[in-house]
């Protein structure tokens, strides 16, 4: 990725965060929600030279950040476009939260895959399986943190942060969508990711768990 594109993505993210901070629906929930993409951005900036990602990974991380920023501003159960969609389709809930969880897998599985390639000897099917499992594990941990925050917060902020909208199986469905997003992301982006990785310095670890496709 060229320096100009990286800067453009950084500026676009900063603008999105600034706009999202203007009159969010729930200020306390906004602070909780926006902390995740901002912390992710700072982590990427701090590790940019030591662990640079491929252009595809950076673009997918940017996509995921935008999904989280929108959810932070409106809360994940009140995004207007999905209110409209709910009313048009006659469904019982605003499903932006479902989309957000699908995007966790769809957008983050490639960065996770890249970290595993650079830090472990995994390759082939073993690499892809562990990438998807890592997303599912992250999704499960996130559901636990949602529970903790909901318990420690006020009832209003806790409800806004959970976004369950009365669905007793919300956490399970969210984790399923995390996993489905990861599987679809591997199919959609895997070959392009391999091509971009092949243009960079190969990792030092010897491949195990399947034939190296690079």
C-alpha atoms as a PDB file:
ATOM      1  CA  UNK A   1       0.000   0.000   0.000  1.00  0.00           C
ATOM      2  CA  UNK A   2       1.338   3.404  -0.964  1.00  0.00           C
ATOM      3  CA  UNK A   3       1.918   6.041   1.663  1.00  0.00           C
ATOM      4  CA  UNK A   4      -0.766   8.272   0.144  1.00  0.00           C
ATOM      5  CA  UNK A   5      -3.477   5.638   0.343  1.00  0.00           C
ATOM      6  CA  UNK A   6      -2.498   4.851   3.922  1.00  0.00           C
ATOM      7  CA  UNK A   7      -2.716   8.529   4.803  1.00  0.00           C
ATOM      8  CA  UNK A   8      -6.052   8.853   3.019  1.00  0.00           C
ATOM      9  CA  UNK A   9      -7.486   5.969   5.005  1.00  0.00           C
ATOM     10  CA  UNK A  10      -6.163   7.507   8.231  1.00  0.00           C
ATOM     11  CA  UNK A  11      -7.703  10.887   7.435  1.00  0.00           C
ATOM     12  CA  UNK A  12     -11.000   9.296   6.399  1.00  0.00           C
ATOM     13  CA  UNK A  13     -11.121   7.357   9.668  1.00  0.00           C
ATOM     14  CA  UNK A  14     -10.392  10.488  11.703  1.00  0.00           C
ATOM     15  CA  UNK A  15     -13.146  12.378   9.894  1.00  0.00           C
ATOM     16  CA  UNK A  16     -15.609   9.529  10.450  1.00  0.00           C
ATOM     17  CA  UNK A  17     -14.854   9.479  14.180  1.00  0.00           C
ATOM     18  CA  UNK A  18     -15.171  13.262  14.418  1.00  0.00           C
ATOM     19  CA  UNK A  19     -18.544  13.246  12.646  1.00  0.00           C
ATOM     20  CA  UNK A  20     -19.770  10.350  14.766  1.00  0.00           C
ATOM     21  CA  UNK A  21     -19.006  12.313  17.934  1.00  0.00           C
ATOM     22  CA  UNK A  22     -21.566  14.982  17.033  1.00  0.00           C
ATOM     23  CA  UNK A  23     -24.740  14.325  19.056  1.00  0.00           C
ATOM     24  CA  UNK A  24     -24.517  10.515  19.350  1.00  0.00           C
ATOM     25  CA  UNK A  25     -27.715   8.786  20.421  1.00  0.00           C
ATOM     26  CA  UNK A  26     -26.322   7.666  23.788  1.00  0.00           C
ATOM     27  CA  UNK A  27     -23.160   9.404  24.983  1.00  0.00           C
ATOM     28  CA  UNK A  28     -22.151   6.731  27.478  1.00  0.00           C
ATOM     29  CA  UNK A  29     -22.668   3.943  24.959  1.00  0.00           C
ATOM     30  CA  UNK A  30     -20.807   5.982  22.332  1.00  0.00           C
ATOM     31  CA  UNK A  31     -17.700   6.171  24.507  1.00  0.00           C
ATOM     32  CA  UNK A  32     -17.781   2.395  25.012  1.00  0.00           C
ATOM     33  CA  UNK A  33     -18.398   1.624  21.338  1.00  0.00           C
ATOM     34  CA  UNK A  34     -15.935   4.081  19.791  1.00  0.00           C
ATOM     35  CA  UNK A  35     -13.126   2.874  22.033  1.00  0.00           C
ATOM     36  CA  UNK A  36     -12.736  -0.321  19.986  1.00  0.00           C
ATOM     37  CA  UNK A  37     -12.028   1.195  16.538  1.00  0.00           C
ATOM     38  CA  UNK A  38      -9.925   4.018  18.008  1.00  0.00           C
ATOM     39  CA  UNK A  39      -7.816   1.560  20.007  1.00  0.00           C
ATOM     40  CA  UNK A  40      -7.435  -0.579  16.889  1.00  0.00           C
ATOM     41  CA  UNK A  41      -6.269   2.415  14.867  1.00  0.00           C
ATOM     42  CA  UNK A  42      -3.704   3.367  17.509  1.00  0.00           C
ATOM     43  CA  UNK A  43      -2.419  -0.210  17.640  1.00  0.00           C
ATOM     44  CA  UNK A  44      -2.008  -0.276  13.856  1.00  0.00           C
ATOM     45  CA  UNK A  45      -0.175   3.053  13.912  1.00  0.00           C
ATOM     46  CA  UNK A  46       2.154   1.855  16.668  1.00  0.00           C
ATOM     47  CA  UNK A  47       3.033  -1.391  14.864  1.00  0.00           C
ATOM     48  CA  UNK A  48       3.039  -0.100  11.286  1.00  0.00           C
ATOM     49  CA  UNK A  49       6.800  -0.403  10.777  1.00  0.00           C
ATOM     50  CA  UNK A  50       7.300  -3.623  12.737  1.00  0.00           C
ATOM     51  CA  UNK A  51       4.260  -5.479  11.364  1.00  0.00           C
ATOM     52  CA  UNK A  52       3.024  -3.846   8.155  1.00  0.00           C
ATOM     53  CA  UNK A  53      -0.089  -5.410   6.674  1.00  0.00           C
ATOM     54  CA  UNK A  54      -0.916  -5.984   3.029  1.00  0.00           C
ATOM     55  CA  UNK A  55      -3.080  -3.365   1.286  1.00  0.00           C
ATOM     56  CA  UNK A  56      -6.050  -5.766   1.319  1.00  0.00           C
ATOM     57  CA  UNK A  57      -5.794  -6.214   5.084  1.00  0.00           C
ATOM     58  CA  UNK A  58      -5.628  -2.459   5.684  1.00  0.00           C
ATOM     59  CA  UNK A  59      -8.673  -1.841   3.493  1.00  0.00           C
ATOM     60  CA  UNK A  60     -10.692  -4.515   5.262  1.00  0.00           C
ATOM     61  CA  UNK A  61      -9.682  -3.106   8.652  1.00  0.00           C
ATOM     62  CA  UNK A  62     -10.878   0.301   7.474  1.00  0.00           C
ATOM     63  CA  UNK A  63     -14.213  -1.209   6.410  1.00  0.00           C
ATOM     64  CA  UNK A  64     -14.658  -2.828   9.822  1.00  0.00           C
ATOM     65  CA  UNK A  65     -13.772   0.443  11.543  1.00  0.00           C
ATOM     66  CA  UNK A  66     -16.482   2.301   9.606  1.00  0.00           C
ATOM     67  CA  UNK A  67     -19.078  -0.312  10.577  1.00  0.00           C
ATOM     68  CA  UNK A  68     -18.157   0.166  14.239  1.00  0.00           C
ATOM     69  CA  UNK A  69     -18.154   3.973  13.996  1.00  0.00           C
ATOM     70  CA  UNK A  70     -21.667   4.012  12.546  1.00  0.00           C
ATOM     71  CA  UNK A  71     -22.852   1.643  15.271  1.00  0.00           C
ATOM     72  CA  UNK A  72     -21.232   3.823  17.926  1.00  0.00           C
ATOM     73  CA  UNK A  73     -23.065   6.939  16.750  1.00  0.00           C
ATOM     74  CA  UNK A  74     -26.562   5.481  16.488  1.00  0.00           C
ATOM     75  CA  UNK A  75     -26.092   2.374  18.702  1.00  0.00           C
ATOM     76  CA  UNK A  76     -26.240  -0.932  16.861  1.00  0.00           C
ATOM     77  CA  UNK A  77     -30.009  -1.265  17.234  1.00  0.00           C
ATOM     78  CA  UNK A  78     -31.030   2.180  15.929  1.00  0.00           C
ATOM     79  CA  UNK A  79     -29.191   2.753  12.632  1.00  0.00           C
ATOM     80  CA  UNK A  80     -31.843   4.570  10.532  1.00  0.00           C
ATOM     81  CA  UNK A  81     -31.275   2.692   7.269  1.00  0.00           C
ATOM     82  CA  UNK A  82     -31.948  -0.587   9.042  1.00  0.00           C
ATOM     83  CA  UNK A  83     -35.039   0.838  10.737  1.00  0.00           C
ATOM     84  CA  UNK A  84     -36.316   1.558   7.233  1.00  0.00           C
ATOM     85  CA  UNK A  85     -35.372  -1.940   6.103  1.00  0.00           C
ATOM     86  CA  UNK A  86     -37.129  -3.457   9.135  1.00  0.00           C
ATOM     87  CA  UNK A  87     -40.310  -1.532   8.365  1.00  0.00           C
ATOM     88  CA  UNK A  88     -40.249  -2.405   4.670  1.00  0.00           C
ATOM     89  CA  UNK A  89     -39.645  -6.118   5.273  1.00  0.00           C
ATOM     90  CA  UNK A  90     -41.864  -6.366   8.335  1.00  0.00           C
ATOM     91  CA  UNK A  91     -39.112  -7.937  10.434  1.00  0.00           C
ATOM     92  CA  UNK A  92     -39.205  -7.591  14.235  1.00  0.00           C
ATOM     93  CA  UNK A  93     -35.832  -5.898  14.799  1.00  0.00           C
ATOM     94  CA  UNK A  94     -33.175  -3.566  13.458  1.00  0.00           C
ATOM     95  CA  UNK A  95     -30.542  -5.945  12.078  1.00  0.00           C
ATOM     96  CA  UNK A  96     -27.538  -3.614  11.846  1.00  0.00           C
ATOM     97  CA  UNK A  97     -26.025  -5.508  14.774  1.00  0.00           C
ATOM     98  CA  UNK A  98     -26.299  -8.723  12.751  1.00  0.00           C
ATOM     99  CA  UNK A  99     -24.499  -7.060   9.838  1.00  0.00           C
ATOM    100  CA  UNK A 100     -21.817  -5.762  12.195  1.00  0.00           C
ATOM    101  CA  UNK A 101     -21.124  -9.240  13.531  1.00  0.00           C
ATOM    102  CA  UNK A 102     -20.968 -10.698  10.022  1.00  0.00           C
ATOM    103  CA  UNK A 103     -18.448  -7.968   9.149  1.00  0.00           C
ATOM    104  CA  UNK A 104     -16.297  -8.929  12.135  1.00  0.00           C
ATOM    105  CA  UNK A 105     -15.576 -12.221  10.423  1.00  0.00           C
ATOM    106  CA  UNK A 106     -15.713 -11.007   6.827  1.00  0.00           C
ATOM    107  CA  UNK A 107     -13.326  -8.073   7.356  1.00  0.00           C
ATOM    108  CA  UNK A 108     -11.052  -9.309  10.143  1.00  0.00           C
ATOM    109  CA  UNK A 109     -10.319 -12.879   9.049  1.00  0.00           C
ATOM    110  CA  UNK A 110      -7.716 -11.698   6.511  1.00  0.00           C
ATOM    111  CA  UNK A 111      -5.744  -9.569   9.020  1.00  0.00           C
ATOM    112  CA  UNK A 112      -5.898 -12.491  11.482  1.00  0.00           C
ATOM    113  CA  UNK A 113      -4.718 -14.862   8.740  1.00  0.00           C
ATOM    114  CA  UNK A 114      -1.856 -12.518   7.964  1.00  0.00           C
ATOM    115  CA  UNK A 115      -0.752 -12.342  11.593  1.00  0.00           C
ATOM    116  CA  UNK A 116      -0.744 -16.137  11.748  1.00  0.00           C
ATOM    117  CA  UNK A 117       1.280 -16.373   8.528  1.00  0.00           C
ATOM    118  CA  UNK A 118       3.886 -13.959   9.869  1.00  0.00           C
ATOM    119  CA  UNK A 119       4.137 -15.419  13.366  1.00  0.00           C
ATOM    120  CA  UNK A 120       3.487 -19.164  12.982  1.00  0.00           C
ATOM    121  CA  UNK A 121       4.472 -21.969  10.578  1.00  0.00           C
ATOM    122  CA  UNK A 122       0.811 -22.660   9.706  1.00  0.00           C
ATOM    123  CA  UNK A 123      -0.069 -22.876   6.013  1.00  0.00           C
ATOM    124  CA  UNK A 124      -2.752 -24.366   3.791  1.00  0.00           C
ATOM    125  CA  UNK A 125      -5.985 -25.664   5.271  1.00  0.00           C
ATOM    126  CA  UNK A 126      -4.632 -25.560   8.827  1.00  0.00           C
ATOM    127  CA  UNK A 127      -3.999 -21.826   8.450  1.00  0.00           C
ATOM    128  CA  UNK A 128      -7.504 -21.122   7.177  1.00  0.00           C
ATOM    129  CA  UNK A 129      -9.163 -23.297   9.816  1.00  0.00           C
ATOM    130  CA  UNK A 130      -7.295 -21.604  12.658  1.00  0.00           C
ATOM    131  CA  UNK A 131      -8.021 -18.170  11.181  1.00  0.00           C
ATOM    132  CA  UNK A 132     -11.757 -18.894  11.264  1.00  0.00           C
ATOM    133  CA  UNK A 133     -11.532 -20.431  14.744  1.00  0.00           C
ATOM    134  CA  UNK A 134      -9.666 -17.345  15.966  1.00  0.00           C
ATOM    135  CA  UNK A 135     -12.511 -15.148  14.758  1.00  0.00           C
ATOM    136  CA  UNK A 136     -15.043 -17.358  16.523  1.00  0.00           C
ATOM    137  CA  UNK A 137     -12.969 -17.218  19.720  1.00  0.00           C
ATOM    138  CA  UNK A 138     -12.776 -13.440  19.482  1.00  0.00           C
ATOM    139  CA  UNK A 139     -16.538 -13.271  18.933  1.00  0.00           C
ATOM    140  CA  UNK A 140     -17.145 -15.407  22.005  1.00  0.00           C
ATOM    141  CA  UNK A 141     -14.824 -13.269  24.130  1.00  0.00           C
ATOM    142  CA  UNK A 142     -16.550 -10.120  22.873  1.00  0.00           C
ATOM    143  CA  UNK A 143     -19.930 -11.486  23.950  1.00  0.00           C
ATOM    144  CA  UNK A 144     -18.498 -12.077  27.425  1.00  0.00           C
ATOM    145  CA  UNK A 145     -17.181  -8.510  27.610  1.00  0.00           C
ATOM    146  CA  UNK A 146     -20.605  -7.228  26.509  1.00  0.00           C
ATOM    147  CA  UNK A 147     -22.123  -9.082  29.458  1.00  0.00           C
ATOM    148  CA  UNK A 148     -19.566  -7.621  31.883  1.00  0.00           C
ATOM    149  CA  UNK A 149     -20.072  -4.073  30.619  1.00  0.00           C
ATOM    150  CA  UNK A 150     -23.859  -4.433  30.701  1.00  0.00           C
ATOM    151  CA  UNK A 151     -23.672  -5.574  34.336  1.00  0.00           C
ATOM    152  CA  UNK A 152     -21.383  -2.732  35.379  1.00  0.00           C
ATOM    153  CA  UNK A 153     -23.167   0.011  33.405  1.00  0.00           C
ATOM    154  CA  UNK A 154     -26.497   1.709  33.953  1.00  0.00           C
ATOM    155  CA  UNK A 155     -29.512  -0.259  32.662  1.00  0.00           C
ATOM    156  CA  UNK A 156     -29.954   2.139  29.737  1.00  0.00           C
ATOM    157  CA  UNK A 157     -26.311   2.039  28.651  1.00  0.00           C
ATOM    158  CA  UNK A 158     -26.132  -1.717  29.177  1.00  0.00           C
ATOM    159  CA  UNK A 159     -29.178  -2.313  26.990  1.00  0.00           C
ATOM    160  CA  UNK A 160     -27.809  -0.027  24.279  1.00  0.00           C
ATOM    161  CA  UNK A 161     -24.424  -1.750  24.347  1.00  0.00           C
ATOM    162  CA  UNK A 162     -25.871  -5.263  24.228  1.00  0.00           C
ATOM    163  CA  UNK A 163     -28.307  -4.465  21.406  1.00  0.00           C
ATOM    164  CA  UNK A 164     -30.104  -7.778  21.929  1.00  0.00           C
ATOM    165  CA  UNK A 165     -33.541  -6.239  21.284  1.00  0.00           C
ATOM    166  CA  UNK A 166     -35.248  -8.900  23.371  1.00  0.00           C
ATOM    167  CA  UNK A 167     -33.732 -11.895  21.543  1.00  0.00           C
ATOM    168  CA  UNK A 168     -32.684 -14.476  24.137  1.00  0.00           C
ATOM    169  CA  UNK A 169     -30.439 -16.169  21.534  1.00  0.00           C
ATOM    170  CA  UNK A 170     -28.767 -12.939  20.441  1.00  0.00           C
ATOM    171  CA  UNK A 171     -25.263 -13.894  21.613  1.00  0.00           C
ATOM    172  CA  UNK A 172     -25.380 -17.275  19.878  1.00  0.00           C
ATOM    173  CA  UNK A 173     -26.624 -15.779  16.619  1.00  0.00           C
ATOM    174  CA  UNK A 174     -23.941 -13.089  16.774  1.00  0.00           C
ATOM    175  CA  UNK A 175     -21.201 -15.694  17.171  1.00  0.00           C
ATOM    176  CA  UNK A 176     -22.644 -17.726  14.298  1.00  0.00           C
ATOM    177  CA  UNK A 177     -22.521 -14.662  12.060  1.00  0.00           C
ATOM    178  CA  UNK A 178     -18.926 -13.967  13.129  1.00  0.00           C
ATOM    179  CA  UNK A 179     -17.994 -17.478  11.998  1.00  0.00           C
ATOM    180  CA  UNK A 180     -19.991 -17.348   8.745  1.00  0.00           C
ATOM    181  CA  UNK A 181     -18.430 -13.996   7.905  1.00  0.00           C
ATOM    182  CA  UNK A 182     -14.973 -15.478   8.457  1.00  0.00           C
ATOM    183  CA  UNK A 183     -15.654 -18.467   6.197  1.00  0.00           C
ATOM    184  CA  UNK A 184     -17.071 -16.282   3.431  1.00  0.00           C
ATOM    185  CA  UNK A 185     -14.197 -13.824   3.858  1.00  0.00           C
ATOM    186  CA  UNK A 186     -11.650 -16.602   3.354  1.00  0.00           C
ATOM    187  CA  UNK A 187     -13.376 -17.673   0.151  1.00  0.00           C
ATOM    188  CA  UNK A 188     -13.778 -14.108  -1.109  1.00  0.00           C
ATOM    189  CA  UNK A 189     -10.328 -12.748  -0.265  1.00  0.00           C
ATOM    190  CA  UNK A 190      -8.018 -15.747   0.178  1.00  0.00           C
ATOM    191  CA  UNK A 191      -6.491 -15.844  -3.310  1.00  0.00           C
ATOM    192  CA  UNK A 192      -6.045 -12.060  -3.504  1.00  0.00           C
ATOM    193  CA  UNK A 193      -4.427 -12.154  -0.088  1.00  0.00           C
ATOM    194  CA  UNK A 194      -2.006 -14.867  -1.185  1.00  0.00           C
ATOM    195  CA  UNK A 195      -1.020 -12.820  -4.238  1.00  0.00           C
ATOM    196  CA  UNK A 196      -0.287  -9.755  -2.136  1.00  0.00           C
ATOM    197  CA  UNK A 197       1.666 -11.795   0.397  1.00  0.00           C
ATOM    198  CA  UNK A 198       3.762 -13.376  -2.366  1.00  0.00           C
ATOM    199  CA  UNK A 199       4.919  -9.893  -3.381  1.00  0.00           C
ATOM    200  CA  UNK A 200       6.301  -9.270   0.096  1.00  0.00           C
ATOM    201  CA  UNK A 201       9.183 -10.852   1.955  1.00  0.00           C
ATOM    202  CA  UNK A 202       8.257 -14.460   2.783  1.00  0.00           C
ATOM    203  CA  UNK A 203       7.945 -15.420   6.456  1.00  0.00           C
ATOM    204  CA  UNK A 204      10.858 -17.271   8.040  1.00  0.00           C
ATOM    205  CA  UNK A 205       8.847 -20.134   9.555  1.00  0.00           C
ATOM    206  CA  UNK A 206       8.690 -23.461   7.702  1.00  0.00           C
ATOM    207  CA  UNK A 207       5.173 -24.388   6.512  1.00  0.00           C
ATOM    208  CA  UNK A 208       3.213 -27.121   8.278  1.00  0.00           C
ATOM    209  CA  UNK A 209      -0.402 -28.233   8.208  1.00  0.00           C
ATOM    210  CA  UNK A 210      -0.730 -28.272   4.437  1.00  0.00           C
ATOM    211  CA  UNK A 211       1.003 -27.351   1.227  1.00  0.00           C
ATOM    212  CA  UNK A 212       2.185 -23.757   0.965  1.00  0.00           C
ATOM    213  CA  UNK A 213       0.179 -22.130  -1.817  1.00  0.00           C
ATOM    214  CA  UNK A 214       2.357 -19.019  -2.119  1.00  0.00           C
END
